[in-house]
Amino acid sequence: MLLANFAILVLAGFVGYLVISKVPNTLHTPLMSGTNAIHGIVLLGGLVVLGSGADGVLNKVLLVTAITFGMINVVGGFLVTDRMLGMFKSKRDPAERER
């Protein structure tokens, strides 16, 4: 069973790499925003499982690690998205905005 799960993990990583490498640069940021929204749901699921009393120290350590890395991904993705959207704002002088 462990070998089958490991094979699925390796194949999923390989397919994911091939799919992402084919995406044009102009689509990376919008796709990342959608992925971050999905990852937020994954974080919520991890918190629910952790709160429901996961058995074993290893399971708890893996859940906390996954939640930490997921949170870094979500926050970083939203910061990059905010920066991208900031590029489309007009750059007028503050004196012109008061008029």
N, C-alpha and C. Protein backbone atom coordinates (compact mmCIF):
# COMPACT_ATOMS: atom_id res chain seq x y z
N MET A 1 0.83 -1.19 0.00
CA MET A 1 0.00 0.00 0.00
C MET A 1 0.87 1.26 0.00
N LEU A 2 1.94 1.24 0.79
CA LEU A 2 2.84 2.39 0.85
C LEU A 2 3.52 2.63 -0.50
N LEU A 3 3.90 1.56 -1.15
CA LEU A 3 4.55 1.69 -2.46
C LEU A 3 3.59 2.26 -3.51
N ALA A 4 2.34 1.85 -3.46
CA ALA A 4 1.34 2.38 -4.39
C ALA A 4 1.10 3.87 -4.14
N ASN A 5 1.00 4.26 -2.87
CA ASN A 5 0.81 5.68 -2.55
C ASN A 5 2.02 6.51 -2.97
N PHE A 6 3.21 5.97 -2.78
CA PHE A 6 4.43 6.66 -3.19
C PHE A 6 4.48 6.82 -4.71
N ALA A 7 4.07 5.78 -5.43
CA ALA A 7 4.06 5.85 -6.90
C ALA A 7 3.07 6.91 -7.37
N ILE A 8 1.92 7.00 -6.72
CA ILE A 8 0.94 8.03 -7.08
C ILE A 8 1.50 9.41 -6.80
N LEU A 9 2.19 9.57 -5.68
CA LEU A 9 2.78 10.87 -5.33
C LEU A 9 3.82 11.29 -6.38
N VAL A 10 4.68 10.37 -6.78
CA VAL A 10 5.71 10.68 -7.77
C VAL A 10 5.08 11.01 -9.11
N LEU A 11 4.09 10.23 -9.54
CA LEU A 11 3.43 10.51 -10.82
C LEU A 11 2.69 11.84 -10.79
N ALA A 12 2.03 12.15 -9.67
CA ALA A 12 1.32 13.43 -9.55
C ALA A 12 2.30 14.60 -9.62
N GLY A 13 3.45 14.45 -8.97
CA GLY A 13 4.46 15.50 -9.05
C GLY A 13 4.99 15.69 -10.46
N PHE A 14 5.21 14.60 -11.16
CA PHE A 14 5.70 14.66 -12.53
C PHE A 14 4.68 15.32 -13.45
N VAL A 15 3.43 14.90 -13.35
CA VAL A 15 2.38 15.48 -14.19
C VAL A 15 2.18 16.96 -13.85
N GLY A 16 2.20 17.30 -12.55
CA GLY A 16 2.07 18.70 -12.15
C GLY A 16 3.18 19.56 -12.71
N TYR A 17 4.40 19.06 -12.68
CA TYR A 17 5.53 19.80 -13.25
C TYR A 17 5.33 20.02 -14.75
N LEU A 18 4.92 18.99 -15.45
CA LEU A 18 4.71 19.13 -16.90
C LEU A 18 3.59 20.11 -17.22
N VAL A 19 2.53 20.09 -16.45
CA VAL A 19 1.41 21.01 -16.70
C VAL A 19 1.82 22.45 -16.42
N ILE A 20 2.47 22.68 -15.29
CA ILE A 20 2.86 24.05 -14.93
C ILE A 20 3.91 24.61 -15.89
N SER A 21 4.81 23.77 -16.37
CA SER A 21 5.85 24.26 -17.27
C SER A 21 5.28 24.70 -18.62
N LYS A 22 4.09 24.26 -18.98
CA LYS A 22 3.47 24.62 -20.25
C LYS A 22 2.61 25.89 -20.16
N VAL A 23 2.40 26.42 -18.96
CA VAL A 23 1.56 27.60 -18.78
C VAL A 23 2.36 28.85 -19.15
N PRO A 24 1.78 29.74 -19.97
CA PRO A 24 2.49 30.98 -20.32
C PRO A 24 2.69 31.87 -19.09
N ASN A 25 3.73 32.69 -19.13
CA ASN A 25 4.06 33.55 -17.98
C ASN A 25 2.92 34.50 -17.60
N THR A 26 2.14 34.93 -18.56
CA THR A 26 1.06 35.89 -18.26
C THR A 26 -0.07 35.26 -17.46
N LEU A 27 -0.15 33.94 -17.44
CA LEU A 27 -1.22 33.27 -16.70
C LEU A 27 -0.81 32.75 -15.33
N HIS A 28 0.48 32.82 -15.01
CA HIS A 28 0.93 32.25 -13.75
C HIS A 28 0.27 32.90 -12.53
N THR A 29 0.20 34.24 -12.49
CA THR A 29 -0.33 34.92 -11.32
C THR A 29 -1.83 34.69 -11.14
N PRO A 30 -2.66 34.80 -12.19
CA PRO A 30 -4.08 34.49 -11.98
C PRO A 30 -4.32 33.05 -11.56
N LEU A 31 -3.55 32.12 -12.11
CA LEU A 31 -3.71 30.73 -11.70
C LEU A 31 -3.27 30.54 -10.26
N MET A 32 -2.26 31.28 -9.84
CA MET A 32 -1.78 31.16 -8.46
C MET A 32 -2.85 31.67 -7.49
N SER A 33 -3.60 32.69 -7.87
CA SER A 33 -4.66 33.19 -7.01
C SER A 33 -5.73 32.12 -6.78
N GLY A 34 -6.11 31.45 -7.84
CA GLY A 34 -7.10 30.37 -7.70
C GLY A 34 -6.56 29.21 -6.89
N THR A 35 -5.30 28.89 -7.09
CA THR A 35 -4.68 27.81 -6.33
C THR A 35 -4.61 28.16 -4.86
N ASN A 36 -4.35 29.42 -4.54
CA ASN A 36 -4.30 29.82 -3.13
C ASN A 36 -5.67 29.71 -2.48
N ALA A 37 -6.72 30.00 -3.22
CA ALA A 37 -8.06 29.83 -2.66
C ALA A 37 -8.33 28.36 -2.35
N ILE A 38 -7.92 27.49 -3.24
CA ILE A 38 -8.08 26.05 -3.00
C ILE A 38 -7.23 25.62 -1.82
N HIS A 39 -6.03 26.15 -1.72
CA HIS A 39 -5.14 25.78 -0.62
C HIS A 39 -5.70 26.26 0.72
N GLY A 40 -6.47 27.34 0.70
CA GLY A 40 -7.14 27.79 1.93
C GLY A 40 -8.12 26.74 2.42
N ILE A 41 -8.79 26.07 1.50
CA ILE A 41 -9.72 25.00 1.89
C ILE A 41 -8.94 23.83 2.47
N VAL A 42 -7.78 23.54 1.90
CA VAL A 42 -6.92 22.48 2.43
C VAL A 42 -6.47 22.82 3.84
N LEU A 43 -6.13 24.08 4.07
CA LEU A 43 -5.74 24.51 5.42
C LEU A 43 -6.88 24.31 6.41
N LEU A 44 -8.08 24.68 6.01
CA LEU A 44 -9.23 24.50 6.87
C LEU A 44 -9.44 23.02 7.20
N GLY A 45 -9.27 22.16 6.21
CA GLY A 45 -9.39 20.72 6.45
C GLY A 45 -8.33 20.22 7.42
N GLY A 46 -7.10 20.71 7.28
CA GLY A 46 -6.03 20.33 8.19
C GLY A 46 -6.31 20.77 9.61
N LEU A 47 -6.87 21.96 9.76
CA LEU A 47 -7.22 22.44 11.10
C LEU A 47 -8.34 21.63 11.72
N VAL A 48 -9.32 21.24 10.91
CA VAL A 48 -10.42 20.42 11.40
C VAL A 48 -9.91 19.05 11.86
N VAL A 49 -9.05 18.44 11.05
CA VAL A 49 -8.50 17.13 11.41
C VAL A 49 -7.65 17.24 12.67
N LEU A 50 -6.85 18.30 12.77
CA LEU A 50 -6.02 18.49 13.95
C LEU A 50 -6.88 18.73 15.18
N GLY A 51 -7.95 19.50 15.02
CA GLY A 51 -8.84 19.79 16.14
C GLY A 51 -9.70 18.61 16.56
N SER A 52 -9.93 17.67 15.65
CA SER A 52 -10.78 16.53 15.99
C SER A 52 -10.01 15.45 16.74
N GLY A 53 -8.75 15.68 17.00
CA GLY A 53 -7.98 14.75 17.81
C GLY A 53 -7.28 13.69 16.99
N ALA A 54 -6.33 14.11 16.19
CA ALA A 54 -5.54 13.15 15.40
C ALA A 54 -4.75 12.26 16.35
N ASP A 55 -4.67 10.99 16.04
CA ASP A 55 -3.95 10.04 16.88
C ASP A 55 -2.47 10.02 16.52
N GLY A 56 -1.64 9.96 17.52
CA GLY A 56 -0.21 9.80 17.30
C GLY A 56 0.52 11.12 17.17
N VAL A 57 1.73 11.13 17.67
CA VAL A 57 2.56 12.33 17.63
C VAL A 57 3.00 12.62 16.19
N LEU A 58 3.33 11.59 15.44
CA LEU A 58 3.77 11.80 14.06
C LEU A 58 2.68 12.44 13.22
N ASN A 59 1.43 12.00 13.39
CA ASN A 59 0.32 12.59 12.64
C ASN A 59 0.15 14.06 13.00
N LYS A 60 0.27 14.38 14.28
CA LYS A 60 0.13 15.78 14.69
C LYS A 60 1.26 16.64 14.15
N VAL A 61 2.47 16.11 14.18
CA VAL A 61 3.61 16.86 13.65
C VAL A 61 3.45 17.09 12.14
N LEU A 62 3.02 16.07 11.42
CA LEU A 62 2.80 16.23 9.97
C LEU A 62 1.68 17.22 9.68
N LEU A 63 0.61 17.18 10.48
CA LEU A 63 -0.48 18.14 10.28
C LEU A 63 -0.03 19.57 10.53
N VAL A 64 0.71 19.78 11.61
CA VAL A 64 1.19 21.14 11.91
C VAL A 64 2.16 21.62 10.83
N THR A 65 3.02 20.73 10.35
CA THR A 65 3.94 21.09 9.28
C THR A 65 3.18 21.44 8.00
N ALA A 66 2.19 20.65 7.66
CA ALA A 66 1.39 20.91 6.45
C ALA A 66 0.63 22.22 6.58
N ILE A 67 0.08 22.48 7.75
CA ILE A 67 -0.66 23.73 7.96
C ILE A 67 0.29 24.92 7.87
N THR A 68 1.50 24.79 8.43
CA THR A 68 2.48 25.88 8.37
C THR A 68 2.90 26.18 6.94
N PHE A 69 3.26 25.13 6.19
CA PHE A 69 3.67 25.35 4.80
C PHE A 69 2.50 25.86 3.95
N GLY A 70 1.31 25.37 4.22
CA GLY A 70 0.14 25.85 3.49
C GLY A 70 -0.14 27.31 3.76
N MET A 71 0.03 27.72 5.01
CA MET A 71 -0.21 29.11 5.36
C MET A 71 0.83 30.02 4.71
N ILE A 72 2.07 29.57 4.66
CA ILE A 72 3.11 30.34 3.97
C ILE A 72 2.74 30.50 2.50
N ASN A 73 2.24 29.44 1.88
CA ASN A 73 1.85 29.47 0.48
C ASN A 73 0.70 30.44 0.25
N VAL A 74 -0.31 30.39 1.10
CA VAL A 74 -1.48 31.25 0.93
C VAL A 74 -1.10 32.72 1.10
N VAL A 75 -0.40 33.04 2.18
CA VAL A 75 -0.03 34.44 2.44
C VAL A 75 0.90 34.96 1.34
N GLY A 76 1.90 34.18 0.97
CA GLY A 76 2.81 34.61 -0.09
C GLY A 76 2.09 34.80 -1.42
N GLY A 77 1.17 33.91 -1.72
CA GLY A 77 0.42 34.03 -2.97
C GLY A 77 -0.45 35.27 -3.02
N PHE A 78 -1.09 35.59 -1.89
CA PHE A 78 -1.91 36.79 -1.87
C PHE A 78 -1.05 38.06 -1.92
N LEU A 79 0.14 38.02 -1.34
CA LEU A 79 1.03 39.17 -1.44
C LEU A 79 1.48 39.39 -2.88
N VAL A 80 1.80 38.32 -3.58
CA VAL A 80 2.20 38.43 -4.99
C VAL A 80 1.03 38.93 -5.83
N THR A 81 -0.17 38.43 -5.55
CA THR A 81 -1.35 38.87 -6.29
C THR A 81 -1.62 40.35 -6.05
N ASP A 82 -1.48 40.80 -4.79
CA ASP A 82 -1.68 42.21 -4.48
C ASP A 82 -0.65 43.07 -5.20
N ARG A 83 0.57 42.59 -5.25
CA ARG A 83 1.62 43.33 -5.96
C ARG A 83 1.30 43.42 -7.45
N MET A 84 0.80 42.32 -8.02
CA MET A 84 0.45 42.31 -9.44
C MET A 84 -0.69 43.30 -9.71
N LEU A 85 -1.71 43.29 -8.84
CA LEU A 85 -2.82 44.21 -9.04
C LEU A 85 -2.39 45.66 -8.85
N GLY A 86 -1.39 45.89 -8.00
CA GLY A 86 -0.87 47.24 -7.80
C GLY A 86 -0.20 47.79 -9.05
N MET A 87 0.26 46.93 -9.92
CA MET A 87 0.88 47.40 -11.16
C MET A 87 -0.14 48.04 -12.09
N PHE A 88 -1.42 47.74 -11.91
CA PHE A 88 -2.44 48.28 -12.80
C PHE A 88 -3.09 49.55 -12.26
N LYS A 89 -2.71 49.97 -11.05
CA LYS A 89 -3.26 51.20 -10.49
C LYS A 89 -2.56 52.40 -11.13
N SER A 90 -3.30 53.50 -11.25
CA SER A 90 -2.70 54.70 -11.83
C SER A 90 -1.73 55.31 -10.82
N LYS A 91 -0.69 55.91 -11.34
CA LYS A 91 0.35 56.50 -10.49
C LYS A 91 0.32 58.01 -10.63
N ARG A 92 -0.75 58.62 -10.13
CA ARG A 92 -0.88 60.07 -10.17
C ARG A 92 -0.28 60.67 -8.90
N ASP A 93 0.05 61.93 -8.97
CA ASP A 93 0.55 62.65 -7.80
C ASP A 93 -0.56 62.81 -6.76
N PRO A 94 -0.24 62.82 -5.47
CA PRO A 94 -1.29 63.02 -4.45
C PRO A 94 -2.01 64.35 -4.60
N ALA A 95 -1.33 65.39 -5.12
CA ALA A 95 -1.97 66.69 -5.31
C ALA A 95 -3.07 66.61 -6.38
N GLU A 96 -2.87 65.78 -7.40
CA GLU A 96 -3.87 65.64 -8.46
C GLU A 96 -5.08 64.87 -7.96
N ARG A 97 -4.91 63.99 -7.00
CA ARG A 97 -6.03 63.19 -6.50
C ARG A 97 -7.03 64.04 -5.70
N GLU A 98 -6.55 65.15 -5.10
CA GLU A 98 -7.43 65.97 -4.27
C GLU A 98 -8.38 66.79 -5.11
N ARG A 99 -8.11 66.97 -6.35
CA ARG A 99 -8.98 67.81 -7.22
C ARG A 99 -10.25 67.13 -7.54
